[in-house]
C-alpha atoms as a PDB file:
ATOM      1  CA  UNK A   1     115.724  62.379  15.944  1.00  0.00           C
ATOM      2  CA  UNK A   2     118.517  60.221  14.811  1.00  0.00           C
ATOM      3  CA  UNK A   3     120.939  61.562  12.218  1.00  0.00           C
ATOM      4  CA  UNK A   4     120.345  59.954   9.009  1.00  0.00           C
ATOM      5  CA  UNK A   5     123.243  59.163   6.588  1.00  0.00           C
ATOM      6  CA  UNK A   6     123.138  61.503   3.624  1.00  0.00           C
ATOM      7  CA  UNK A   7     123.836  59.624   0.477  1.00  0.00           C
ATOM      8  CA  UNK A   8     123.839  62.474  -2.263  1.00  0.00           C
ATOM      9  CA  UNK A   9     122.755  66.055  -2.219  1.00  0.00           C
ATOM     10  CA  UNK A  10     121.738  67.677  -5.658  1.00  0.00           C
ATOM     11  CA  UNK A  11     120.650  71.149  -6.472  1.00  0.00           C
ATOM     12  CA  UNK A  12     116.946  70.429  -5.719  1.00  0.00           C
ATOM     13  CA  UNK A  13     116.950  67.255  -3.595  1.00  0.00           C
ATOM     14  CA  UNK A  14     118.739  65.299  -0.942  1.00  0.00           C
ATOM     15  CA  UNK A  15     118.895  61.590  -0.855  1.00  0.00           C
ATOM     16  CA  UNK A  16     119.226  59.985   2.672  1.00  0.00           C
ATOM     17  CA  UNK A  17     119.534  56.274   3.515  1.00  0.00           C
ATOM     18  CA  UNK A  18     116.352  54.359   3.491  1.00  0.00           C
ATOM     19  CA  UNK A  19     114.730  52.354   6.211  1.00  0.00           C
ATOM     20  CA  UNK A  20     115.094  49.048   4.323  1.00  0.00           C
ATOM     21  CA  UNK A  21     118.038  47.790   2.137  1.00  0.00           C
ATOM     22  CA  UNK A  22     117.598  48.991  -1.413  1.00  0.00           C
ATOM     23  CA  UNK A  23     115.501  51.973  -0.502  1.00  0.00           C
ATOM     24  CA  UNK A  24     116.336  55.664  -0.065  1.00  0.00           C
ATOM     25  CA  UNK A  25     114.635  58.813   1.126  1.00  0.00           C
ATOM     26  CA  UNK A  26     114.159  61.640  -1.331  1.00  0.00           C
ATOM     27  CA  UNK A  27     113.858  65.022   0.213  1.00  0.00           C
ATOM     28  CA  UNK A  28     112.750  67.844  -1.912  1.00  0.00           C
ATOM     29  CA  UNK A  29     114.420  71.290  -1.049  1.00  0.00           C
ATOM     30  CA  UNK A  30     113.188  74.826  -1.580  1.00  0.00           C
ATOM     31  CA  UNK A  31     116.500  75.736  -3.462  1.00  0.00           C
ATOM     32  CA  UNK A  32     116.088  76.701  -6.951  1.00  0.00           C
ATOM     33  CA  UNK A  33     119.003  76.938  -9.507  1.00  0.00           C
ATOM     34  CA  UNK A  34     119.293  77.713 -13.166  1.00  0.00           C
ATOM     35  CA  UNK A  35     122.042  78.219 -15.671  1.00  0.00           C
ATOM     36  CA  UNK A  36     124.234  75.453 -13.978  1.00  0.00           C
ATOM     37  CA  UNK A  37     123.635  76.693 -10.563  1.00  0.00           C
ATOM     38  CA  UNK A  38     125.010  80.403 -11.588  1.00  0.00           C
ATOM     39  CA  UNK A  39     121.375  81.791 -10.655  1.00  0.00           C
ATOM     40  CA  UNK A  40     120.088  80.679  -7.080  1.00  0.00           C
ATOM     41  CA  UNK A  41     117.281  81.377  -4.879  1.00  0.00           C
ATOM     42  CA  UNK A  42     115.147  79.743  -2.044  1.00  0.00           C
ATOM     43  CA  UNK A  43     111.389  79.730  -3.022  1.00  0.00           C
ATOM     44  CA  UNK A  44     109.509  78.926   0.143  1.00  0.00           C
ATOM     45  CA  UNK A  45     107.325  75.923  -0.372  1.00  0.00           C
ATOM     46  CA  UNK A  46     108.568  74.800  -3.789  1.00  0.00           C
ATOM     47  CA  UNK A  47     109.863  71.417  -2.378  1.00  0.00           C
ATOM     48  CA  UNK A  48     106.503  70.658  -0.756  1.00  0.00           C
ATOM     49  CA  UNK A  49     104.567  71.289  -4.070  1.00  0.00           C
ATOM     50  CA  UNK A  50     107.133  69.361  -6.205  1.00  0.00           C
ATOM     51  CA  UNK A  51     106.911  66.477  -3.803  1.00  0.00           C
ATOM     52  CA  UNK A  52     103.129  66.266  -4.212  1.00  0.00           C
ATOM     53  CA  UNK A  53     103.135  66.657  -7.927  1.00  0.00           C
ATOM     54  CA  UNK A  54     105.905  64.100  -8.492  1.00  0.00           C
ATOM     55  CA  UNK A  55     104.212  61.905  -6.144  1.00  0.00           C
ATOM     56  CA  UNK A  56     100.848  62.292  -8.265  1.00  0.00           C
ATOM     57  CA  UNK A  57     102.422  61.743 -11.612  1.00  0.00           C
ATOM     58  CA  UNK A  58     104.859  58.777 -10.467  1.00  0.00           C
ATOM     59  CA  UNK A  59     101.925  57.107  -8.943  1.00  0.00           C
ATOM     60  CA  UNK A  60      99.791  57.367 -12.221  1.00  0.00           C
ATOM     61  CA  UNK A  61     102.727  56.092 -14.381  1.00  0.00           C
ATOM     62  CA  UNK A  62     103.268  53.141 -12.049  1.00  0.00           C
ATOM     63  CA  UNK A  63      99.521  52.208 -12.471  1.00  0.00           C
ATOM     64  CA  UNK A  64      99.746  52.267 -16.364  1.00  0.00           C
ATOM     65  CA  UNK A  65     102.905  50.031 -16.146  1.00  0.00           C
ATOM     66  CA  UNK A  66     105.706  52.797 -16.461  1.00  0.00           C
ATOM     67  CA  UNK A  67     107.838  51.408 -13.622  1.00  0.00           C
ATOM     68  CA  UNK A  68     109.711  53.980 -11.487  1.00  0.00           C
ATOM     69  CA  UNK A  69     111.659  54.399  -8.333  1.00  0.00           C
ATOM     70  CA  UNK A  70     108.530  55.843  -6.448  1.00  0.00           C
ATOM     71  CA  UNK A  71     107.205  53.842  -3.503  1.00  0.00           C
ATOM     72  CA  UNK A  72     105.291  56.334  -1.232  1.00  0.00           C
ATOM     73  CA  UNK A  73     105.207  59.759   0.227  1.00  0.00           C
ATOM     74  CA  UNK A  74     106.277  60.152   3.699  1.00  0.00           C
ATOM     75  CA  UNK A  75     105.514  63.483   4.592  1.00  0.00           C
ATOM     76  CA  UNK A  76     105.385  67.086   3.142  1.00  0.00           C
ATOM     77  CA  UNK A  77     108.832  67.091   1.792  1.00  0.00           C
ATOM     78  CA  UNK A  78     109.943  63.453   1.525  1.00  0.00           C
ATOM     79  CA  UNK A  79     109.192  60.172  -0.304  1.00  0.00           C
ATOM     80  CA  UNK A  80     110.427  56.678   0.049  1.00  0.00           C
ATOM     81  CA  UNK A  81     112.134  55.527  -3.306  1.00  0.00           C
ATOM     82  CA  UNK A  82     113.851  52.340  -4.689  1.00  0.00           C
ATOM     83  CA  UNK A  83     117.687  52.869  -4.593  1.00  0.00           C
ATOM     84  CA  UNK A  84     118.658  52.612  -8.312  1.00  0.00           C
ATOM     85  CA  UNK A  85     121.965  52.877 -10.160  1.00  0.00           C
ATOM     86  CA  UNK A  86     121.551  56.183 -12.039  1.00  0.00           C
ATOM     87  CA  UNK A  87     122.384  56.185 -15.685  1.00  0.00           C
ATOM     88  CA  UNK A  88     124.495  59.551 -16.151  1.00  0.00           C
ATOM     89  CA  UNK A  89     122.120  60.932 -18.793  1.00  0.00           C
ATOM     90  CA  UNK A  90     119.281  63.415 -18.815  1.00  0.00           C
ATOM     91  CA  UNK A  91     116.633  62.445 -21.314  1.00  0.00           C
ATOM     92  CA  UNK A  92     114.635  65.455 -22.836  1.00  0.00           C
ATOM     93  CA  UNK A  93     111.620  65.235 -24.807  1.00  0.00           C
ATOM     94  CA  UNK A  94     110.316  68.109 -26.997  1.00  0.00           C
ATOM     95  CA  UNK A  95     107.032  68.654 -28.308  1.00  0.00           C
ATOM     96  CA  UNK A  96     107.169  72.518 -28.962  1.00  0.00           C
ATOM     97  CA  UNK A  97     110.222  74.616 -29.721  1.00  0.00           C
ATOM     98  CA  UNK A  98     111.593  76.170 -26.629  1.00  0.00           C
ATOM     99  CA  UNK A  99     114.682  77.020 -24.662  1.00  0.00           C
ATOM    100  CA  UNK A 100     117.918  75.602 -26.162  1.00  0.00           C
ATOM    101  CA  UNK A 101     116.198  74.122 -29.160  1.00  0.00           C
ATOM    102  CA  UNK A 102     114.809  77.363 -30.267  1.00  0.00           C
ATOM    103  CA  UNK A 103     118.381  78.880 -29.770  1.00  0.00           C
ATOM    104  CA  UNK A 104     120.221  76.130 -31.364  1.00  0.00           C
ATOM    105  CA  UNK A 105     118.262  75.889 -34.531  1.00  0.00           C
ATOM    106  CA  UNK A 106     116.773  79.353 -34.797  1.00  0.00           C
ATOM    107  CA  UNK A 107     113.078  78.180 -34.313  1.00  0.00           C
ATOM    108  CA  UNK A 108     110.649  80.641 -33.050  1.00  0.00           C
ATOM    109  CA  UNK A 109     109.639  79.692 -29.338  1.00  0.00           C
ATOM    110  CA  UNK A 110     106.111  78.072 -29.391  1.00  0.00           C
ATOM    111  CA  UNK A 111     106.401  76.369 -32.890  1.00  0.00           C
ATOM    112  CA  UNK A 112     105.049  72.976 -32.818  1.00  0.00           C
ATOM    113  CA  UNK A 113     107.606  70.272 -33.693  1.00  0.00           C
ATOM    114  CA  UNK A 114     106.819  67.950 -36.586  1.00  0.00           C
ATOM    115  CA  UNK A 115     107.081  65.085 -34.067  1.00  0.00           C
ATOM    116  CA  UNK A 116     108.291  64.537 -30.631  1.00  0.00           C
ATOM    117  CA  UNK A 117     112.117  64.737 -30.460  1.00  0.00           C
ATOM    118  CA  UNK A 118     114.211  62.960 -27.814  1.00  0.00           C
ATOM    119  CA  UNK A 119     117.648  64.221 -26.915  1.00  0.00           C
ATOM    120  CA  UNK A 120     120.262  63.033 -24.612  1.00  0.00           C
ATOM    121  CA  UNK A 121     122.490  65.053 -22.475  1.00  0.00           C
ATOM    122  CA  UNK A 122     125.458  64.060 -20.295  1.00  0.00           C
ATOM    123  CA  UNK A 123     124.597  64.799 -16.586  1.00  0.00           C
ATOM    124  CA  UNK A 124     127.802  67.019 -15.819  1.00  0.00           C
ATOM    125  CA  UNK A 125     127.328  70.350 -14.364  1.00  0.00           C
ATOM    126  CA  UNK A 126     131.117  71.445 -14.849  1.00  0.00           C
ATOM    127  CA  UNK A 127     130.789  70.573 -18.573  1.00  0.00           C
ATOM    128  CA  UNK A 128     127.235  72.258 -18.706  1.00  0.00           C
ATOM    129  CA  UNK A 129     125.504  69.011 -19.529  1.00  0.00           C
ATOM    130  CA  UNK A 130     126.502  68.654 -23.136  1.00  0.00           C
ATOM    131  CA  UNK A 131     124.267  67.048 -25.724  1.00  0.00           C
ATOM    132  CA  UNK A 132     125.395  63.614 -26.636  1.00  0.00           C
ATOM    133  CA  UNK A 133     124.594  61.096 -29.426  1.00  0.00           C
ATOM    134  CA  UNK A 134     124.044  57.356 -29.058  1.00  0.00           C
ATOM    135  CA  UNK A 135     127.459  56.880 -30.570  1.00  0.00           C
ATOM    136  CA  UNK A 136     128.889  58.609 -27.553  1.00  0.00           C
ATOM    137  CA  UNK A 137     126.653  56.911 -25.220  1.00  0.00           C
ATOM    138  CA  UNK A 138     127.579  53.493 -26.202  1.00  0.00           C
ATOM    139  CA  UNK A 139     131.414  54.323 -26.919  1.00  0.00           C
ATOM    140  CA  UNK A 140     131.769  55.652 -23.340  1.00  0.00           C
ATOM    141  CA  UNK A 141     129.484  52.887 -21.808  1.00  0.00           C
ATOM    142  CA  UNK A 142     127.079  55.147 -20.279  1.00  0.00           C
ATOM    143  CA  UNK A 143     124.394  53.004 -21.352  1.00  0.00           C
ATOM    144  CA  UNK A 144     123.932  50.057 -23.537  1.00  0.00           C
ATOM    145  CA  UNK A 145     122.057  49.894 -27.129  1.00  0.00           C
ATOM    146  CA  UNK A 146     119.296  48.067 -25.407  1.00  0.00           C
ATOM    147  CA  UNK A 147     119.093  50.613 -22.550  1.00  0.00           C
ATOM    148  CA  UNK A 148     118.803  53.467 -24.990  1.00  0.00           C
ATOM    149  CA  UNK A 149     115.946  51.653 -26.765  1.00  0.00           C
ATOM    150  CA  UNK A 150     114.347  51.100 -23.304  1.00  0.00           C
ATOM    151  CA  UNK A 151     114.789  54.803 -22.349  1.00  0.00           C
ATOM    152  CA  UNK A 152     113.429  56.070 -25.733  1.00  0.00           C
ATOM    153  CA  UNK A 153     110.383  53.714 -25.448  1.00  0.00           C
ATOM    154  CA  UNK A 154     109.664  54.687 -21.947  1.00  0.00           C
ATOM    155  CA  UNK A 155     110.181  58.336 -22.760  1.00  0.00           C
ATOM    156  CA  UNK A 156     107.689  58.294 -25.512  1.00  0.00           C
ATOM    157  CA  UNK A 157     105.212  56.521 -23.053  1.00  0.00           C
ATOM    158  CA  UNK A 158     105.794  59.149 -20.423  1.00  0.00           C
ATOM    159  CA  UNK A 159     105.327  61.886 -23.129  1.00  0.00           C
ATOM    160  CA  UNK A 160     101.846  60.358 -24.247  1.00  0.00           C
ATOM    161  CA  UNK A 161     100.765  60.075 -20.767  1.00  0.00           C
ATOM    162  CA  UNK A 162     101.872  63.548 -19.425  1.00  0.00           C
ATOM    163  CA  UNK A 163     100.517  65.345 -22.631  1.00  0.00           C
ATOM    164  CA  UNK A 164      97.043  63.877 -22.082  1.00  0.00           C
ATOM    165  CA  UNK A 165      97.159  64.616 -18.369  1.00  0.00           C
ATOM    166  CA  UNK A 166      98.284  68.057 -18.728  1.00  0.00           C
ATOM    167  CA  UNK A 167      96.120  68.767 -21.857  1.00  0.00           C
ATOM    168  CA  UNK A 168      93.012  67.618 -19.942  1.00  0.00           C
ATOM    169  CA  UNK A 169      93.621  70.598 -17.520  1.00  0.00           C
ATOM    170  CA  UNK A 170      94.411  73.187 -20.084  1.00  0.00           C
ATOM    171  CA  UNK A 171      98.259  73.041 -20.027  1.00  0.00           C
ATOM    172  CA  UNK A 172     100.447  72.347 -22.853  1.00  0.00           C
ATOM    173  CA  UNK A 173     103.357  70.145 -22.284  1.00  0.00           C
ATOM    174  CA  UNK A 174     106.102  71.764 -24.214  1.00  0.00           C
ATOM    175  CA  UNK A 175     109.048  69.551 -23.131  1.00  0.00           C
ATOM    176  CA  UNK A 176     110.264  67.757 -20.074  1.00  0.00           C
ATOM    177  CA  UNK A 177     113.434  66.123 -18.675  1.00  0.00           C
ATOM    178  CA  UNK A 178     113.600  62.641 -17.036  1.00  0.00           C
ATOM    179  CA  UNK A 179     116.297  60.432 -15.709  1.00  0.00           C
ATOM    180  CA  UNK A 180     116.475  56.646 -15.563  1.00  0.00           C
ATOM    181  CA  UNK A 181     118.327  54.185 -13.359  1.00  0.00           C
ATOM    182  CA  UNK A 182     119.110  50.496 -13.330  1.00  0.00           C
ATOM    183  CA  UNK A 183     117.545  48.192 -10.801  1.00  0.00           C
ATOM    184  CA  UNK A 184     119.140  44.742 -10.512  1.00  0.00           C
ATOM    185  CA  UNK A 185     117.197  41.546 -10.077  1.00  0.00           C
ATOM    186  CA  UNK A 186     119.691  38.618  -9.772  1.00  0.00           C
ATOM    187  CA  UNK A 187     122.128  39.313 -12.597  1.00  0.00           C
ATOM    188  CA  UNK A 188     119.485  41.091 -14.800  1.00  0.00           C
ATOM    189  CA  UNK A 189     119.528  44.976 -14.968  1.00  0.00           C
ATOM    190  CA  UNK A 190     116.228  46.576 -15.822  1.00  0.00           C
ATOM    191  CA  UNK A 191     115.794  50.354 -16.655  1.00  0.00           C
ATOM    192  CA  UNK A 192     113.193  52.260 -14.627  1.00  0.00           C
ATOM    193  CA  UNK A 193     112.258  55.936 -14.506  1.00  0.00           C
ATOM    194  CA  UNK A 194     113.821  57.831 -11.409  1.00  0.00           C
ATOM    195  CA  UNK A 195     114.395  61.378 -10.154  1.00  0.00           C
ATOM    196  CA  UNK A 196     111.237  63.417 -10.243  1.00  0.00           C
ATOM    197  CA  UNK A 197     108.602  64.929 -12.676  1.00  0.00           C
ATOM    198  CA  UNK A 198     107.429  68.420 -11.639  1.00  0.00           C
ATOM    199  CA  UNK A 199     107.230  72.228 -12.876  1.00  0.00           C
ATOM    200  CA  UNK A 200     111.016  72.105 -12.205  1.00  0.00           C
ATOM    201  CA  UNK A 201     111.658  69.515 -15.055  1.00  0.00           C
ATOM    202  CA  UNK A 202     108.799  70.376 -17.312  1.00  0.00           C
ATOM    203  CA  UNK A 203     107.841  73.326 -19.622  1.00  0.00           C
ATOM    204  CA  UNK A 204     104.295  73.824 -18.932  1.00  0.00           C
ATOM    205  CA  UNK A 205     102.228  76.609 -20.677  1.00  0.00           C
ATOM    206  CA  UNK A 206      98.710  77.638 -20.163  1.00  0.00           C
ATOM    207  CA  UNK A 207      97.054  76.290 -23.355  1.00  0.00           C
ATOM    208  CA  UNK A 208      95.036  79.402 -24.074  1.00  0.00           C
ATOM    209  CA  UNK A 209      97.364  82.343 -23.128  1.00  0.00           C
ATOM    210  CA  UNK A 210     100.712  80.425 -23.300  1.00  0.00           C
ATOM    211  CA  UNK A 211     101.565  81.737 -19.701  1.00  0.00           C
ATOM    212  CA  UNK A 212     104.502  79.926 -18.460  1.00  0.00           C
ATOM    213  CA  UNK A 213     103.834  77.714 -15.294  1.00  0.00           C
ATOM    214  CA  UNK A 214     107.116  76.350 -14.774  1.00  0.00           C
ATOM    215  CA  UNK A 215     110.795  77.012 -13.956  1.00  0.00           C
ATOM    216  CA  UNK A 216     111.166  79.500 -16.737  1.00  0.00           C
ATOM    217  CA  UNK A 217     109.481  81.899 -14.637  1.00  0.00           C
ATOM    218  CA  UNK A 218     112.689  81.818 -12.360  1.00  0.00           C
ATOM    219  CA  UNK A 219     115.101  81.529 -15.109  1.00  0.00           C
ATOM    220  CA  UNK A 220     113.539  84.520 -16.933  1.00  0.00           C
ATOM    221  CA  UNK A 221     112.685  86.609 -13.786  1.00  0.00           C
ATOM    222  CA  UNK A 222     108.974  86.616 -14.589  1.00  0.00           C
ATOM    223  CA  UNK A 223     108.032  86.337 -10.929  1.00  0.00           C
ATOM    224  CA  UNK A 224     105.177  84.619  -9.174  1.00  0.00           C
ATOM    225  CA  UNK A 225     107.160  81.092  -9.439  1.00  0.00           C
ATOM    226  CA  UNK A 226     105.525  79.513  -6.442  1.00  0.00           C
ATOM    227  CA  UNK A 227     101.910  80.787  -7.533  1.00  0.00           C
ATOM    228  CA  UNK A 228     102.500  79.102 -10.893  1.00  0.00           C
ATOM    229  CA  UNK A 229     103.645  75.701  -9.454  1.00  0.00           C
ATOM    230  CA  UNK A 230     100.752  75.995  -7.123  1.00  0.00           C
ATOM    231  CA  UNK A 231      98.448  76.465 -10.156  1.00  0.00           C
ATOM    232  CA  UNK A 232      99.680  73.325 -11.836  1.00  0.00           C
ATOM    233  CA  UNK A 233      98.959  71.463  -8.568  1.00  0.00           C
ATOM    234  CA  UNK A 234      95.577  72.935  -8.323  1.00  0.00           C
ATOM    235  CA  UNK A 235      94.697  72.035 -11.877  1.00  0.00           C
ATOM    236  CA  UNK A 236      95.805  68.514 -11.335  1.00  0.00           C
ATOM    237  CA  UNK A 237      93.213  68.462  -8.215  1.00  0.00           C
ATOM    238  CA  UNK A 238      96.064  67.866  -5.547  1.00  0.00           C
ATOM    239  CA  UNK A 239      95.955  71.113  -3.802  1.00  0.00           C
ATOM    240  CA  UNK A 240      93.141  70.144  -1.439  1.00  0.00           C
ATOM    241  CA  UNK A 241      95.295  69.044   1.593  1.00  0.00           C
ATOM    242  CA  UNK A 242      98.141  71.269   0.789  1.00  0.00           C
ATOM    243  CA  UNK A 243      99.198  73.254   4.024  1.00  0.00           C
ATOM    244  CA  UNK A 244      97.710  76.687   3.895  1.00  0.00           C
ATOM    245  CA  UNK A 245     101.185  78.232   4.780  1.00  0.00           C
ATOM    246  CA  UNK A 246     102.172  77.856   1.172  1.00  0.00           C
ATOM    247  CA  UNK A 247      98.739  78.666  -0.557  1.00  0.00           C
ATOM    248  CA  UNK A 248      99.501  82.098  -0.935  1.00  0.00           C
ATOM    249  CA  UNK A 249     103.213  81.565  -2.032  1.00  0.00           C
ATOM    250  CA  UNK A 250     105.643  84.515  -2.230  1.00  0.00           C
ATOM    251  CA  UNK A 251     104.655  87.974  -3.536  1.00  0.00           C
END
């Protein structure tokens, strides 16, 4: 096998040079981190499940006109994606109080919010991903006013879609984080959805029991992380061809 050129390695994924100009290969790792990577573990099979869940969601989003970087899944851990210029912001959409929102404003975890709230955070681990305002974003030229509008509009569309998708299988979408990138056509830059959508980047609770089915199981030492991710995939109906080696997960 020829050695591929690594373009970038993050906490949960590696990007390699793609087979065609303007493409990359996104590889999903089993590495799991929390609290700015101060807590780390390798959860066997996590990358395989996240690859499948993200493929499923990105494909559905593409079909309803929410353009994203996903082209096709290549194998258990890799997908072919469009190369984009990543906007250095994490966009968080919250429907229910949880995590830092509960801590910051003294809201009880699980309290429904009066409406969906969108927040922007600067992608910078060394600075602990600080929350930023539109003023900061435009002043420091991280994104233009038009791009902020586009990201907010796309985030609300993703929220509407995911709320219905997960709600239909008995899962509450508490909140989620997404990222965007610019794709250039001639001299025109367009904002499209990038990165991944998986239990690593969403808070997902069982609608009846409020049992957590996401990365909070790792953050809070609740155990059964892989089983919970697997349960999300099973409910979405995408476990049928999953390799049996990870069906049981870790115990």
